[in-house]
């Protein structure tokens, strides 16, 4: 399955060829230069393929690139990032 990435101010969305969101990671930036991950969701059809890990890695790259410290309110992302 070919997934298309859509990166927005509030998250990263992976969509199929029909535009349906199959995975997403939601976040927000704070005035204190923190990027806070709030939720990670992956469709059951994609679980076990490392999609969630990929999304967390992409957000970490955004935080590093933009000079934000990374925080998480999402248990999945917190475990991966040791937060």
N, C-alpha and C. Protein backbone atom coordinates (compact mmCIF):
# COMPACT_ATOMS: atom_id res chain seq x y z
N UNK A 1 0.83 -1.18 0.00
CA UNK A 1 0.00 0.00 0.00
C UNK A 1 0.88 1.24 0.00
N UNK A 2 0.56 2.16 -0.86
CA UNK A 2 1.31 3.40 -0.97
C UNK A 2 0.63 4.49 -0.14
N UNK A 3 1.34 5.01 0.87
CA UNK A 3 0.78 6.04 1.74
C UNK A 3 1.39 7.39 1.40
N UNK A 4 0.54 8.40 1.43
CA UNK A 4 0.98 9.77 1.17
C UNK A 4 1.05 10.52 2.49
N UNK A 5 2.18 11.20 2.72
CA UNK A 5 2.38 11.98 3.94
C UNK A 5 1.82 13.38 3.77
N UNK A 6 1.12 13.84 4.78
CA UNK A 6 0.64 15.22 4.80
C UNK A 6 1.07 15.81 6.15
N UNK A 7 1.98 16.76 6.10
CA UNK A 7 2.49 17.39 7.32
C UNK A 7 1.82 18.74 7.49
N UNK A 8 1.17 18.90 8.65
CA UNK A 8 0.47 20.15 8.96
C UNK A 8 1.02 20.72 10.26
N UNK A 9 0.53 21.89 10.64
CA UNK A 9 0.97 22.55 11.88
C UNK A 9 0.61 21.74 13.12
N UNK A 10 -0.44 20.93 13.03
CA UNK A 10 -0.91 20.21 14.21
C UNK A 10 -0.73 18.69 14.12
N UNK A 11 -0.06 18.21 13.09
CA UNK A 11 0.14 16.77 13.02
C UNK A 11 0.66 16.29 11.67
N UNK A 12 0.91 15.01 11.63
CA UNK A 12 1.33 14.33 10.41
C UNK A 12 0.29 13.26 10.13
N UNK A 13 -0.17 13.21 8.89
CA UNK A 13 -1.23 12.30 8.50
C UNK A 13 -0.75 11.44 7.34
N UNK A 14 -0.99 10.15 7.44
CA UNK A 14 -0.67 9.23 6.35
C UNK A 14 -1.97 8.78 5.72
N UNK A 15 -2.12 9.06 4.43
CA UNK A 15 -3.35 8.78 3.72
C UNK A 15 -3.13 7.75 2.62
N UNK A 16 -4.18 6.99 2.36
CA UNK A 16 -4.12 6.03 1.25
C UNK A 16 -4.44 6.74 -0.05
N UNK A 17 -4.50 5.99 -1.12
CA UNK A 17 -4.72 6.57 -2.45
C UNK A 17 -6.09 7.22 -2.59
N UNK A 18 -7.03 6.90 -1.70
CA UNK A 18 -8.36 7.50 -1.71
C UNK A 18 -8.47 8.71 -0.79
N UNK A 19 -7.37 9.06 -0.12
CA UNK A 19 -7.37 10.21 0.78
C UNK A 19 -7.82 9.88 2.19
N UNK A 20 -8.05 8.62 2.48
CA UNK A 20 -8.45 8.22 3.83
C UNK A 20 -7.24 8.22 4.75
N UNK A 21 -7.38 8.83 5.93
CA UNK A 21 -6.29 8.86 6.91
C UNK A 21 -6.21 7.49 7.57
N UNK A 22 -5.05 6.83 7.43
CA UNK A 22 -4.85 5.52 8.02
C UNK A 22 -3.94 5.57 9.24
N UNK A 23 -3.21 6.65 9.39
CA UNK A 23 -2.35 6.81 10.57
C UNK A 23 -2.10 8.30 10.76
N UNK A 24 -1.95 8.68 12.04
CA UNK A 24 -1.67 10.09 12.31
C UNK A 24 -1.01 10.25 13.66
N UNK A 25 -0.27 11.33 13.78
CA UNK A 25 0.29 11.74 15.05
C UNK A 25 -0.04 13.21 15.21
N UNK A 26 -0.61 13.54 16.35
CA UNK A 26 -1.05 14.91 16.60
C UNK A 26 -0.12 15.58 17.60
N UNK A 27 0.12 16.85 17.39
CA UNK A 27 1.02 17.59 18.29
C UNK A 27 0.69 19.07 18.23
N UNK A 28 1.27 19.81 19.16
CA UNK A 28 1.17 21.27 19.12
C UNK A 28 2.47 21.86 19.64
N UNK A 29 2.72 23.08 19.23
CA UNK A 29 3.91 23.80 19.67
C UNK A 29 3.50 24.83 20.71
N UNK A 30 4.33 24.98 21.74
CA UNK A 30 4.03 25.94 22.80
C UNK A 30 4.93 27.16 22.68
N UNK A 31 4.56 28.26 23.34
CA UNK A 31 5.42 29.46 23.34
C UNK A 31 6.78 29.21 24.01
N UNK A 32 6.87 28.15 24.82
CA UNK A 32 8.13 27.82 25.50
C UNK A 32 9.06 26.99 24.61
N UNK A 33 8.77 26.96 23.30
CA UNK A 33 9.57 26.18 22.34
C UNK A 33 9.54 24.68 22.66
N UNK A 34 8.34 24.20 23.02
CA UNK A 34 8.13 22.78 23.23
C UNK A 34 7.20 22.27 22.12
N UNK A 35 7.50 21.11 21.63
CA UNK A 35 6.61 20.42 20.70
C UNK A 35 6.03 19.25 21.49
N UNK A 36 4.72 19.26 21.69
CA UNK A 36 4.06 18.29 22.54
C UNK A 36 3.24 17.32 21.70
N UNK A 37 3.60 16.05 21.74
CA UNK A 37 2.84 15.00 21.05
C UNK A 37 1.64 14.66 21.93
N UNK A 38 0.44 14.70 21.33
CA UNK A 38 -0.76 14.43 22.10
C UNK A 38 -1.40 13.08 21.80
N UNK A 39 -1.20 12.57 20.60
CA UNK A 39 -1.85 11.32 20.24
C UNK A 39 -1.22 10.70 19.01
N UNK A 40 -1.14 9.38 19.02
CA UNK A 40 -0.68 8.62 17.85
C UNK A 40 -1.74 7.56 17.55
N UNK A 41 -2.20 7.52 16.33
CA UNK A 41 -3.20 6.54 15.93
C UNK A 41 -2.78 5.86 14.64
N UNK A 42 -2.90 4.52 14.62
CA UNK A 42 -2.58 3.74 13.42
C UNK A 42 -3.72 2.76 13.19
N UNK A 43 -4.21 2.71 11.96
CA UNK A 43 -5.27 1.79 11.59
C UNK A 43 -4.86 0.35 11.90
N UNK A 44 -5.80 -0.47 12.36
CA UNK A 44 -5.47 -1.87 12.64
C UNK A 44 -4.84 -2.59 11.43
N UNK A 45 -5.19 -2.17 10.22
CA UNK A 45 -4.63 -2.82 9.03
C UNK A 45 -3.15 -2.53 8.85
N UNK A 46 -2.63 -1.50 9.51
CA UNK A 46 -1.21 -1.13 9.37
C UNK A 46 -0.38 -1.43 10.61
N UNK A 47 -1.01 -1.88 11.67
CA UNK A 47 -0.28 -2.12 12.92
C UNK A 47 0.75 -3.21 12.74
N UNK A 48 1.86 -3.07 13.49
CA UNK A 48 2.93 -4.05 13.44
C UNK A 48 3.91 -3.83 12.30
N UNK A 49 3.76 -2.72 11.58
CA UNK A 49 4.64 -2.43 10.45
C UNK A 49 5.61 -1.28 10.72
N UNK A 50 5.63 -0.79 11.96
CA UNK A 50 6.54 0.30 12.30
C UNK A 50 6.04 1.68 11.91
N UNK A 51 4.76 1.78 11.57
CA UNK A 51 4.21 3.08 11.13
C UNK A 51 4.21 4.08 12.29
N UNK A 52 3.81 3.65 13.48
CA UNK A 52 3.80 4.54 14.64
C UNK A 52 5.20 5.03 14.96
N UNK A 53 6.17 4.14 14.89
CA UNK A 53 7.56 4.53 15.14
C UNK A 53 8.04 5.55 14.11
N UNK A 54 7.64 5.35 12.87
CA UNK A 54 8.02 6.29 11.81
C UNK A 54 7.45 7.67 12.09
N UNK A 55 6.18 7.71 12.51
CA UNK A 55 5.55 9.00 12.80
C UNK A 55 6.26 9.71 13.96
N UNK A 56 6.57 8.98 15.01
CA UNK A 56 7.28 9.58 16.15
C UNK A 56 8.65 10.10 15.70
N UNK A 57 9.35 9.34 14.88
CA UNK A 57 10.65 9.78 14.37
C UNK A 57 10.53 11.05 13.53
N UNK A 58 9.48 11.13 12.74
CA UNK A 58 9.27 12.33 11.92
C UNK A 58 9.04 13.56 12.79
N UNK A 59 8.26 13.41 13.85
CA UNK A 59 8.02 14.54 14.76
C UNK A 59 9.31 14.93 15.47
N UNK A 60 10.10 13.95 15.86
CA UNK A 60 11.39 14.25 16.51
C UNK A 60 12.28 15.05 15.57
N UNK A 61 12.30 14.70 14.29
CA UNK A 61 13.08 15.44 13.31
C UNK A 61 12.59 16.88 13.18
N UNK A 62 11.28 17.08 13.20
CA UNK A 62 10.71 18.43 13.13
C UNK A 62 11.14 19.24 14.35
N UNK A 63 11.03 18.63 15.54
CA UNK A 63 11.42 19.32 16.78
C UNK A 63 12.90 19.70 16.74
N UNK A 64 13.75 18.76 16.34
CA UNK A 64 15.19 19.03 16.26
C UNK A 64 15.49 20.13 15.25
N UNK A 65 14.88 20.05 14.10
CA UNK A 65 15.10 21.03 13.03
C UNK A 65 14.69 22.44 13.45
N UNK A 66 13.57 22.54 14.16
CA UNK A 66 13.01 23.84 14.52
C UNK A 66 13.44 24.35 15.89
N UNK A 67 14.29 23.57 16.58
CA UNK A 67 14.81 24.01 17.87
C UNK A 67 13.82 23.89 19.02
N UNK A 68 12.92 22.92 18.96
CA UNK A 68 11.94 22.70 20.02
C UNK A 68 12.38 21.51 20.89
N UNK A 69 12.09 21.59 22.20
CA UNK A 69 12.26 20.41 23.04
C UNK A 69 11.01 19.56 22.84
N UNK A 70 11.16 18.27 23.00
CA UNK A 70 10.07 17.34 22.70
C UNK A 70 9.44 16.85 24.00
N UNK A 71 8.13 16.93 24.07
CA UNK A 71 7.34 16.44 25.20
C UNK A 71 6.26 15.53 24.64
N UNK A 72 5.67 14.71 25.51
CA UNK A 72 4.62 13.82 25.02
C UNK A 72 3.55 13.60 26.09
N UNK A 73 2.29 13.65 25.65
CA UNK A 73 1.15 13.25 26.46
C UNK A 73 0.58 11.94 25.92
N UNK A 74 1.29 11.34 24.99
CA UNK A 74 0.89 10.09 24.35
C UNK A 74 1.77 8.97 24.91
N UNK A 75 1.17 7.96 25.49
CA UNK A 75 1.95 6.89 26.12
C UNK A 75 2.83 6.15 25.12
N UNK A 76 2.34 5.93 23.91
CA UNK A 76 3.14 5.24 22.88
C UNK A 76 4.39 6.04 22.55
N UNK A 77 4.23 7.32 22.26
CA UNK A 77 5.38 8.17 21.92
C UNK A 77 6.31 8.32 23.11
N UNK A 78 5.76 8.44 24.30
CA UNK A 78 6.59 8.59 25.50
C UNK A 78 7.50 7.38 25.69
N UNK A 79 6.95 6.18 25.47
CA UNK A 79 7.77 4.96 25.59
C UNK A 79 8.91 4.97 24.56
N UNK A 80 8.59 5.32 23.32
CA UNK A 80 9.61 5.31 22.27
C UNK A 80 10.71 6.33 22.53
N UNK A 81 10.32 7.48 23.09
CA UNK A 81 11.27 8.59 23.28
C UNK A 81 11.88 8.58 24.69
N UNK A 82 11.49 7.61 25.50
CA UNK A 82 11.96 7.54 26.89
C UNK A 82 11.68 8.83 27.66
N UNK A 83 10.47 9.36 27.49
CA UNK A 83 10.07 10.59 28.18
C UNK A 83 9.24 10.26 29.41
